[in-house]
Amino acid sequence: MKVTKLVLAALMAGAFSVSAFAANQVSSGNGLNKVGSVSVSGASTLDQLERQLAKKADEAGATSYKIISAGGDDKLNGVAIIYK
């Protein structure tokens, strides 16, 4: 239940934040070509976690990404599917 709330909060934060990265966060991968996934760990906040995932997606050449998990106690980790 806690992880679900964190994922939803991360998705909402990402939907309203302005990112300097080229990869865009999406809520659904329908019609997009899945090319892999990226993961990060050690983030202090959900915003920081989303930025780190966006950066990794961009570095991997993705045009879009979707966060599929976020969790942790004092340090957060997360995974995102990347699309081209």
N, C-alpha and C. Protein backbone atom coordinates (compact mmCIF):
# COMPACT_ATOMS: atom_id res chain seq x y z
N MET A 1 0.83 -1.18 0.00
CA MET A 1 0.00 0.00 0.00
C MET A 1 0.88 1.26 0.00
N LYS A 2 1.95 1.23 0.81
CA LYS A 2 2.85 2.39 0.90
C LYS A 2 3.54 2.63 -0.44
N VAL A 3 3.96 1.55 -1.11
CA VAL A 3 4.63 1.69 -2.41
C VAL A 3 3.67 2.26 -3.45
N THR A 4 2.42 1.81 -3.42
CA THR A 4 1.42 2.31 -4.36
C THR A 4 1.22 3.82 -4.18
N LYS A 5 1.16 4.27 -2.96
CA LYS A 5 1.01 5.71 -2.70
C LYS A 5 2.23 6.47 -3.19
N LEU A 6 3.42 5.91 -3.00
CA LEU A 6 4.64 6.57 -3.46
C LEU A 6 4.67 6.65 -4.98
N VAL A 7 4.26 5.57 -5.66
CA VAL A 7 4.24 5.58 -7.12
C VAL A 7 3.26 6.63 -7.62
N LEU A 8 2.08 6.67 -7.05
CA LEU A 8 1.10 7.66 -7.48
C LEU A 8 1.60 9.08 -7.21
N ALA A 9 2.23 9.29 -6.07
CA ALA A 9 2.77 10.62 -5.77
C ALA A 9 3.87 10.99 -6.75
N ALA A 10 4.71 10.03 -7.10
CA ALA A 10 5.79 10.30 -8.07
C ALA A 10 5.22 10.62 -9.44
N LEU A 11 4.19 9.90 -9.84
CA LEU A 11 3.57 10.17 -11.14
C LEU A 11 2.92 11.55 -11.16
N MET A 12 2.26 11.92 -10.08
CA MET A 12 1.63 13.23 -10.01
C MET A 12 2.68 14.34 -10.00
N ALA A 13 3.74 14.15 -9.24
CA ALA A 13 4.80 15.16 -9.18
C ALA A 13 5.43 15.33 -10.55
N GLY A 14 5.63 14.23 -11.24
CA GLY A 14 6.23 14.28 -12.57
C GLY A 14 5.31 14.92 -13.59
N ALA A 15 4.04 14.75 -13.42
CA ALA A 15 3.08 15.31 -14.37
C ALA A 15 3.04 16.83 -14.29
N PHE A 16 3.34 17.39 -13.13
CA PHE A 16 3.25 18.83 -12.96
C PHE A 16 4.60 19.53 -12.90
N SER A 17 5.68 18.76 -12.88
CA SER A 17 7.00 19.40 -12.82
C SER A 17 7.53 19.66 -14.22
N VAL A 18 8.34 20.69 -14.33
CA VAL A 18 8.96 21.02 -15.59
C VAL A 18 10.34 20.39 -15.59
N SER A 19 10.62 19.58 -16.58
CA SER A 19 11.90 18.89 -16.64
C SER A 19 12.74 19.45 -17.77
N ALA A 20 14.04 19.53 -17.53
CA ALA A 20 14.96 20.03 -18.56
C ALA A 20 15.43 18.90 -19.45
N PHE A 21 14.96 17.71 -19.22
CA PHE A 21 15.40 16.56 -19.98
C PHE A 21 14.52 16.36 -21.21
N ALA A 22 15.07 15.69 -22.22
CA ALA A 22 14.35 15.48 -23.46
C ALA A 22 13.29 14.39 -23.34
N ALA A 23 13.52 13.38 -22.50
CA ALA A 23 12.55 12.31 -22.33
C ALA A 23 11.36 12.83 -21.54
N ASN A 24 10.15 12.50 -21.98
CA ASN A 24 8.92 12.94 -21.33
C ASN A 24 8.30 11.81 -20.55
N GLN A 25 7.80 12.12 -19.36
CA GLN A 25 7.11 11.12 -18.57
C GLN A 25 5.71 10.90 -19.15
N VAL A 26 5.30 9.64 -19.27
CA VAL A 26 3.97 9.31 -19.78
C VAL A 26 3.25 8.46 -18.74
N SER A 27 1.93 8.46 -18.80
CA SER A 27 1.16 7.63 -17.88
C SER A 27 0.80 6.29 -18.49
N SER A 28 0.92 6.19 -19.81
CA SER A 28 0.63 4.94 -20.50
C SER A 28 1.61 4.78 -21.65
N GLY A 29 2.08 3.56 -21.83
CA GLY A 29 3.02 3.29 -22.91
C GLY A 29 2.34 2.83 -24.19
N ASN A 30 1.01 2.96 -24.26
CA ASN A 30 0.27 2.51 -25.43
C ASN A 30 0.78 3.19 -26.69
N GLY A 31 1.09 2.40 -27.71
CA GLY A 31 1.54 2.93 -28.98
C GLY A 31 3.01 3.29 -29.02
N LEU A 32 3.72 3.12 -27.91
CA LEU A 32 5.14 3.44 -27.87
C LEU A 32 5.96 2.15 -27.93
N ASN A 33 7.18 2.24 -28.41
CA ASN A 33 8.07 1.09 -28.53
C ASN A 33 8.93 0.97 -27.29
N LYS A 34 8.64 -0.03 -26.44
CA LYS A 34 9.41 -0.26 -25.22
C LYS A 34 10.81 -0.74 -25.60
N VAL A 35 11.84 -0.10 -25.03
CA VAL A 35 13.22 -0.47 -25.37
C VAL A 35 14.02 -0.92 -24.15
N GLY A 36 13.45 -0.87 -22.98
CA GLY A 36 14.17 -1.31 -21.80
C GLY A 36 13.68 -0.64 -20.54
N SER A 37 14.56 -0.58 -19.55
CA SER A 37 14.21 0.06 -18.28
C SER A 37 15.45 0.70 -17.68
N VAL A 38 15.22 1.61 -16.76
CA VAL A 38 16.29 2.25 -16.00
C VAL A 38 15.90 2.22 -14.54
N SER A 39 16.91 2.24 -13.67
CA SER A 39 16.64 2.26 -12.24
C SER A 39 17.63 3.18 -11.54
N VAL A 40 17.20 3.71 -10.42
CA VAL A 40 18.05 4.56 -9.59
C VAL A 40 17.81 4.22 -8.13
N SER A 41 18.77 4.56 -7.29
CA SER A 41 18.60 4.38 -5.86
C SER A 41 19.33 5.50 -5.13
N GLY A 42 18.93 5.72 -3.90
CA GLY A 42 19.58 6.71 -3.06
C GLY A 42 18.97 8.10 -3.10
N ALA A 43 17.82 8.28 -3.71
CA ALA A 43 17.18 9.60 -3.76
C ALA A 43 16.59 9.95 -2.39
N SER A 44 16.62 11.23 -2.07
CA SER A 44 16.10 11.68 -0.78
C SER A 44 14.62 12.05 -0.84
N THR A 45 14.14 12.49 -2.02
CA THR A 45 12.75 12.90 -2.19
C THR A 45 12.18 12.29 -3.46
N LEU A 46 10.87 12.31 -3.58
CA LEU A 46 10.24 11.81 -4.80
C LEU A 46 10.60 12.66 -6.01
N ASP A 47 10.71 13.98 -5.81
CA ASP A 47 11.12 14.86 -6.91
C ASP A 47 12.52 14.51 -7.40
N GLN A 48 13.42 14.27 -6.47
CA GLN A 48 14.79 13.90 -6.83
C GLN A 48 14.80 12.55 -7.55
N LEU A 49 13.99 11.61 -7.09
CA LEU A 49 13.90 10.30 -7.73
C LEU A 49 13.41 10.45 -9.16
N GLU A 50 12.38 11.25 -9.37
CA GLU A 50 11.82 11.46 -10.72
C GLU A 50 12.86 12.12 -11.63
N ARG A 51 13.59 13.10 -11.12
CA ARG A 51 14.63 13.76 -11.92
C ARG A 51 15.74 12.80 -12.30
N GLN A 52 16.14 11.94 -11.36
CA GLN A 52 17.20 10.96 -11.64
C GLN A 52 16.74 9.95 -12.69
N LEU A 53 15.49 9.50 -12.60
CA LEU A 53 14.96 8.57 -13.60
C LEU A 53 14.86 9.24 -14.96
N ALA A 54 14.43 10.50 -14.99
CA ALA A 54 14.33 11.25 -16.25
C ALA A 54 15.71 11.39 -16.89
N LYS A 55 16.71 11.69 -16.08
CA LYS A 55 18.07 11.86 -16.59
C LYS A 55 18.59 10.55 -17.17
N LYS A 56 18.38 9.45 -16.46
CA LYS A 56 18.84 8.15 -16.96
C LYS A 56 18.11 7.76 -18.24
N ALA A 57 16.82 8.04 -18.31
CA ALA A 57 16.06 7.74 -19.53
C ALA A 57 16.61 8.55 -20.69
N ASP A 58 16.89 9.81 -20.45
CA ASP A 58 17.44 10.69 -21.48
C ASP A 58 18.82 10.19 -21.94
N GLU A 59 19.66 9.82 -20.99
CA GLU A 59 20.99 9.30 -21.31
C GLU A 59 20.92 8.01 -22.13
N ALA A 60 19.86 7.23 -21.93
CA ALA A 60 19.68 5.99 -22.67
C ALA A 60 19.07 6.23 -24.05
N GLY A 61 18.77 7.49 -24.37
CA GLY A 61 18.22 7.82 -25.68
C GLY A 61 16.72 7.68 -25.78
N ALA A 62 16.05 7.58 -24.66
CA ALA A 62 14.59 7.42 -24.66
C ALA A 62 13.90 8.73 -25.01
N THR A 63 12.75 8.61 -25.65
CA THR A 63 11.91 9.78 -25.90
C THR A 63 10.87 9.93 -24.80
N SER A 64 10.53 8.81 -24.14
CA SER A 64 9.53 8.81 -23.08
C SER A 64 9.89 7.76 -22.05
N TYR A 65 9.32 7.90 -20.86
CA TYR A 65 9.51 6.91 -19.81
C TYR A 65 8.28 6.88 -18.92
N LYS A 66 8.09 5.75 -18.23
CA LYS A 66 6.97 5.59 -17.31
C LYS A 66 7.49 4.98 -16.02
N ILE A 67 7.32 5.67 -14.90
CA ILE A 67 7.76 5.15 -13.62
C ILE A 67 6.82 4.02 -13.21
N ILE A 68 7.42 2.85 -12.94
CA ILE A 68 6.60 1.69 -12.58
C ILE A 68 6.74 1.30 -11.12
N SER A 69 7.80 1.78 -10.45
CA SER A 69 7.91 1.51 -9.02
C SER A 69 8.75 2.59 -8.35
N ALA A 70 8.40 2.85 -7.11
CA ALA A 70 9.14 3.79 -6.27
C ALA A 70 8.91 3.37 -4.83
N GLY A 71 9.96 3.35 -4.05
CA GLY A 71 9.80 2.94 -2.67
C GLY A 71 11.08 3.12 -1.89
N GLY A 72 11.01 2.77 -0.63
CA GLY A 72 12.15 2.89 0.25
C GLY A 72 11.76 3.59 1.53
N ASP A 73 12.68 3.59 2.46
CA ASP A 73 12.41 4.25 3.74
C ASP A 73 13.11 5.61 3.77
N ASP A 74 14.35 5.67 4.20
CA ASP A 74 15.04 6.96 4.25
C ASP A 74 15.70 7.30 2.92
N LYS A 75 16.00 6.32 2.10
CA LYS A 75 16.52 6.53 0.74
C LYS A 75 15.60 5.82 -0.23
N LEU A 76 15.20 6.51 -1.29
CA LEU A 76 14.24 5.96 -2.25
C LEU A 76 14.93 5.33 -3.44
N ASN A 77 14.27 4.34 -4.00
CA ASN A 77 14.73 3.72 -5.24
C ASN A 77 13.53 3.61 -6.17
N GLY A 78 13.81 3.54 -7.47
CA GLY A 78 12.72 3.47 -8.42
C GLY A 78 13.14 2.87 -9.74
N VAL A 79 12.14 2.45 -10.51
CA VAL A 79 12.35 1.85 -11.82
C VAL A 79 11.39 2.49 -12.81
N ALA A 80 11.88 2.71 -14.03
CA ALA A 80 11.03 3.25 -15.09
C ALA A 80 11.25 2.47 -16.37
N ILE A 81 10.17 2.23 -17.10
CA ILE A 81 10.26 1.64 -18.44
C ILE A 81 10.57 2.78 -19.40
N ILE A 82 11.48 2.53 -20.35
CA ILE A 82 11.81 3.59 -21.32
C ILE A 82 11.30 3.20 -22.70
N TYR A 83 10.94 4.24 -23.48
CA TYR A 83 10.36 4.07 -24.80
C TYR A 83 11.09 4.95 -25.81
N LYS A 84 11.10 4.48 -27.06
CA LYS A 84 11.63 5.29 -28.17
C LYS A 84 10.56 5.42 -29.22
